[in-house]
Amino acid sequence: MFDNSPPPTLRPRSTAQNVYELLRGDIVLGVLQPLQAIRESEIAERLGVSRTPVREALLRLANLGLVDIYPQSGTRVSPSRLEKVRAAQLIREAVEVEVARRACGCITDRQIAGLRHLIEDQSVAARRNDTRRLFELDEEFHRAIYAAAGLLAVADELEDVKVHLNRLRYVSVNWPRGGEKITGEHEAILAALQSRDEDKAAAAMTVHLRAVLPVLDRMAQGGTPPA
């Protein structure tokens, strides 16, 4: 017998989830700076929501290590912590190198053309010194490879893991190698995917993802990358 009951409806994302994603993005992009105070009332007024979803979002961010909540003293954006950034880089590399390998076996010509278009847009952003757009396009490029491998669910699972690394990636987009170097690394990844060469794709992805290591070394020595 056929089930004639109406299909279940998707639950809309909660207000707290929306606030969480907005604040997480602001921290990654440096809109909210390390050690900057965050006031629930100001966030709630700016977003037109009650303080309850803001409080829930801040608790999630605190569990993630992006904000520090001090009883009776308030909430501040956490500084970047080297151990969390290193862990995120290692996890990302392990996953995305394998994703690149798997994408070689199923990527379509249309998906390759889409990656090519993203690289062209990245080149434009690099020439304009548009750091934010270059960062966003870099994220789109990698997500498109997950999609080509049929592994978007994996990309979604890694969003919170990557967030510590993403904070550093954003402020260091133009250091130590610059936007044109980043697009060149993407070109190498795309060439390997287009030739369906798993070893070359894995090698190119490894080179690309390890380019952030000099930034981590600088952090370990007490320095910070240029803003």
Protein backbone atom coordinates (compact mmCIF):
# COMPACT_ATOMS: atom_id res chain seq x y z
CA MET A 1 0.00 0.00 0.00
CA PHE A 2 1.08 3.55 -0.71
CA ASP A 3 1.42 6.01 2.12
CA ASN A 4 -0.87 8.92 1.24
CA SER A 5 0.13 11.03 4.19
CA PRO A 6 1.76 14.37 3.32
CA PRO A 7 5.55 14.39 3.22
CA PRO A 8 7.27 15.76 6.31
CA THR A 9 8.17 19.42 6.10
CA LEU A 10 11.69 20.61 6.75
CA ARG A 11 12.02 22.53 9.98
CA PRO A 12 13.30 26.05 9.40
CA ARG A 13 16.64 26.90 10.92
CA SER A 14 16.27 28.34 14.39
CA THR A 15 16.96 31.96 15.15
CA ALA A 16 19.81 30.82 17.41
CA GLN A 17 21.38 28.93 14.49
CA ASN A 18 21.19 32.01 12.30
CA VAL A 19 22.73 34.18 15.02
CA TYR A 20 25.42 31.58 15.60
CA GLU A 21 26.41 31.45 11.93
CA LEU A 22 26.44 35.23 11.65
CA LEU A 23 28.65 35.68 14.72
CA ARG A 24 30.90 32.82 13.68
CA GLY A 25 31.37 34.48 10.28
CA ASP A 26 32.09 37.86 11.90
CA ILE A 27 34.80 36.28 14.06
CA VAL A 28 36.40 34.47 11.11
CA LEU A 29 36.40 37.62 8.96
CA GLY A 30 37.75 39.82 11.72
CA VAL A 31 34.62 41.95 12.01
CA LEU A 32 34.78 40.92 15.66
CA GLN A 33 38.40 41.21 16.77
CA PRO A 34 40.22 39.04 19.33
CA LEU A 35 39.48 40.18 22.90
CA GLN A 36 36.66 42.45 21.71
CA ALA A 37 33.70 42.55 24.08
CA ILE A 38 30.40 41.09 22.86
CA ARG A 39 27.23 42.37 24.50
CA GLU A 40 24.07 40.31 24.20
CA SER A 41 21.82 43.35 24.24
CA GLU A 42 23.69 45.07 21.40
CA ILE A 43 23.68 41.94 19.22
CA ALA A 44 19.98 41.36 19.89
CA GLU A 45 19.10 44.95 19.02
CA ARG A 46 21.22 44.93 15.86
CA LEU A 47 19.65 41.69 14.60
CA GLY A 48 16.14 42.41 15.79
CA VAL A 49 15.89 39.29 17.95
CA SER A 50 15.46 38.56 21.64
CA ARG A 51 18.45 37.97 23.88
CA THR A 52 17.64 34.26 24.27
CA PRO A 53 18.88 33.11 20.81
CA VAL A 54 21.90 35.37 21.18
CA ARG A 55 22.74 33.72 24.49
CA GLU A 56 22.31 30.26 22.94
CA ALA A 57 24.57 31.21 20.04
CA LEU A 58 27.25 32.55 22.38
CA LEU A 59 27.20 29.33 24.40
CA ARG A 60 27.82 27.36 21.20
CA LEU A 61 30.66 29.69 20.25
CA ALA A 62 32.12 29.29 23.72
CA ASN A 63 32.01 25.49 23.42
CA LEU A 64 33.78 25.85 20.09
CA GLY A 65 36.46 28.03 21.67
CA LEU A 66 35.66 31.18 19.70
CA VAL A 67 34.48 33.29 22.63
CA ASP A 68 35.30 33.34 26.33
CA ILE A 69 32.44 33.90 28.76
CA TYR A 70 33.41 35.37 32.13
CA PRO A 71 30.69 35.26 34.80
CA GLN A 72 29.86 38.75 36.02
CA SER A 73 32.36 40.20 33.55
CA GLY A 74 30.88 39.56 30.12
CA THR A 75 31.91 37.84 26.90
CA ARG A 76 34.95 38.48 24.71
CA VAL A 77 36.18 37.09 21.40
CA SER A 78 38.84 34.47 22.05
CA PRO A 79 42.34 34.97 20.65
CA SER A 80 43.51 32.46 18.06
CA ARG A 81 44.96 29.45 19.82
CA LEU A 82 47.82 27.69 18.11
CA GLU A 83 46.92 24.19 19.25
CA LYS A 84 43.40 24.47 17.81
CA VAL A 85 44.69 25.90 14.53
CA ARG A 86 47.24 23.10 14.13
CA ALA A 87 44.61 20.46 14.89
CA ALA A 88 42.23 21.97 12.35
CA GLN A 89 44.94 22.12 9.68
CA LEU A 90 45.88 18.48 10.22
CA ILE A 91 42.26 17.30 10.09
CA ARG A 92 41.50 19.39 7.02
CA GLU A 93 44.54 18.08 5.17
CA ALA A 94 43.76 14.44 5.97
CA VAL A 95 40.18 14.82 4.75
CA GLU A 96 40.61 17.06 1.70
CA VAL A 97 43.52 15.12 0.21
CA GLU A 98 41.29 12.04 0.24
CA VAL A 99 38.38 14.07 -1.15
CA ALA A 100 40.58 15.20 -4.05
CA ARG A 101 41.48 11.59 -4.78
CA ARG A 102 37.84 10.52 -4.80
CA ALA A 103 36.78 13.47 -6.95
CA CYS A 104 39.10 12.25 -9.72
CA GLY A 105 36.90 9.23 -10.22
CA CYS A 106 33.61 11.03 -10.69
CA ILE A 107 34.13 14.72 -11.50
CA THR A 108 32.21 15.84 -14.58
CA ASP A 109 33.26 18.19 -17.35
CA ARG A 110 30.63 20.64 -16.13
CA GLN A 111 32.09 20.60 -12.64
CA ILE A 112 35.58 21.15 -14.06
CA ALA A 113 34.25 24.14 -15.97
CA GLY A 114 32.74 25.46 -12.73
CA LEU A 115 36.08 25.18 -10.96
CA ARG A 116 37.74 26.98 -13.87
CA HIS A 117 35.23 29.81 -13.54
CA LEU A 118 35.94 30.10 -9.81
CA ILE A 119 39.69 30.38 -10.48
CA GLU A 120 39.05 33.14 -13.01
CA ASP A 121 37.00 35.01 -10.42
CA GLN A 122 39.79 34.49 -7.88
CA SER A 123 42.30 36.04 -10.27
CA VAL A 124 40.08 39.12 -10.56
CA ALA A 125 39.77 39.36 -6.78
CA ALA A 126 43.54 38.98 -6.38
CA ARG A 127 44.22 41.82 -8.84
CA ARG A 128 41.79 44.02 -6.93
CA ASN A 129 43.33 43.06 -3.57
CA ASP A 130 39.83 42.04 -2.48
CA THR A 131 40.83 39.83 0.43
CA ARG A 132 37.34 38.98 1.55
CA ARG A 133 36.17 37.97 -1.93
CA LEU A 134 39.32 35.93 -2.50
CA PHE A 135 38.74 34.08 0.77
CA GLU A 136 35.08 33.43 -0.09
CA LEU A 137 36.00 32.11 -3.55
CA ASP A 138 38.64 29.86 -2.01
CA GLU A 139 35.94 28.36 0.20
CA GLU A 140 33.67 27.90 -2.83
CA PHE A 141 36.48 26.20 -4.77
CA HIS A 142 37.08 23.62 -2.07
CA ARG A 143 33.37 23.07 -1.48
CA ALA A 144 32.93 22.44 -5.22
CA ILE A 145 35.51 19.64 -4.99
CA TYR A 146 33.57 18.08 -2.10
CA ALA A 147 30.47 18.29 -4.30
CA ALA A 148 32.29 16.64 -7.21
CA ALA A 149 33.24 13.77 -4.90
CA GLY A 150 29.66 13.51 -3.61
CA LEU A 151 30.84 14.42 -0.11
CA LEU A 152 29.14 17.71 0.73
CA ALA A 153 27.93 16.20 3.99
CA VAL A 154 31.57 15.80 5.02
CA ALA A 155 32.22 19.46 4.21
CA ASP A 156 29.30 20.45 6.43
CA GLU A 157 30.60 18.32 9.30
CA LEU A 158 33.99 20.02 9.11
CA GLU A 159 32.70 23.61 9.24
CA ASP A 160 33.10 23.94 13.00
CA VAL A 161 36.45 22.15 12.95
CA LYS A 162 37.85 24.45 10.28
CA VAL A 163 36.72 27.67 11.92
CA HIS A 164 39.92 28.12 13.95
CA LEU A 165 42.03 27.61 10.85
CA ASN A 166 39.78 29.89 8.80
CA ARG A 167 40.41 32.80 11.16
CA LEU A 168 44.10 32.55 10.40
CA ARG A 169 43.59 31.85 6.70
CA TYR A 170 41.58 35.02 6.29
CA VAL A 171 44.08 37.39 7.92
CA SER A 172 46.95 35.71 6.05
CA VAL A 173 45.39 35.54 2.56
CA ASN A 174 48.02 37.96 1.25
CA TRP A 175 50.89 36.49 3.29
CA PRO A 176 53.19 34.68 2.86
CA ARG A 177 52.33 33.91 -0.77
CA GLY A 178 49.60 36.29 -1.99
CA GLY A 179 46.46 35.86 -4.04
CA GLU A 180 48.16 35.02 -7.33
CA LYS A 181 50.08 32.18 -5.69
CA ILE A 182 46.85 30.80 -4.23
CA THR A 183 45.17 30.78 -7.63
CA GLY A 184 48.24 29.06 -9.06
CA GLU A 185 47.90 26.31 -6.49
CA HIS A 186 44.24 25.96 -7.43
CA GLU A 187 45.26 25.69 -11.09
CA ALA A 188 47.51 22.74 -10.21
CA ILE A 189 44.67 21.03 -8.33
CA LEU A 190 42.29 21.59 -11.24
CA ALA A 191 44.78 20.25 -13.80
CA ALA A 192 45.16 17.05 -11.78
CA LEU A 193 41.40 16.66 -11.43
CA GLN A 194 40.92 17.25 -15.14
CA SER A 195 43.45 14.52 -15.96
CA ARG A 196 41.78 12.26 -13.38
CA ASP A 197 45.18 11.61 -11.79
CA GLU A 198 44.59 10.74 -8.14
CA ASP A 199 48.25 10.95 -7.08
CA LYS A 200 48.77 14.36 -8.69
CA ALA A 201 45.52 15.65 -7.22
CA ALA A 202 46.55 14.48 -3.75
CA ALA A 203 50.01 16.03 -4.12
CA ALA A 204 48.66 19.35 -5.40
CA MET A 205 46.10 19.53 -2.60
CA THR A 206 48.77 18.74 -0.02
CA VAL A 207 51.02 21.56 -1.26
CA HIS A 208 48.10 23.98 -1.20
CA LEU A 209 46.91 23.13 2.29
CA ARG A 210 50.40 23.13 3.79
CA ALA A 211 51.08 26.67 2.58
CA VAL A 212 49.62 27.93 5.85
CA LEU A 213 52.34 26.20 7.90
CA PRO A 214 54.77 29.17 7.81
CA VAL A 215 52.02 31.23 9.40
CA LEU A 216 51.68 28.66 12.17
CA ASP A 217 55.45 28.68 12.68
CA ARG A 218 55.36 32.45 13.02
CA MET A 219 52.57 32.16 15.60
CA ALA A 220 54.61 29.60 17.54
CA GLN A 221 57.45 32.12 17.73
CA GLY A 222 55.13 34.71 19.19
CA GLY A 223 54.43 36.66 16.00
CA THR A 224 51.34 37.26 13.93
CA PRO A 225 50.85 37.46 10.17
CA PRO A 226 50.36 40.91 8.70
CA ALA A 227 46.71 42.02 8.72
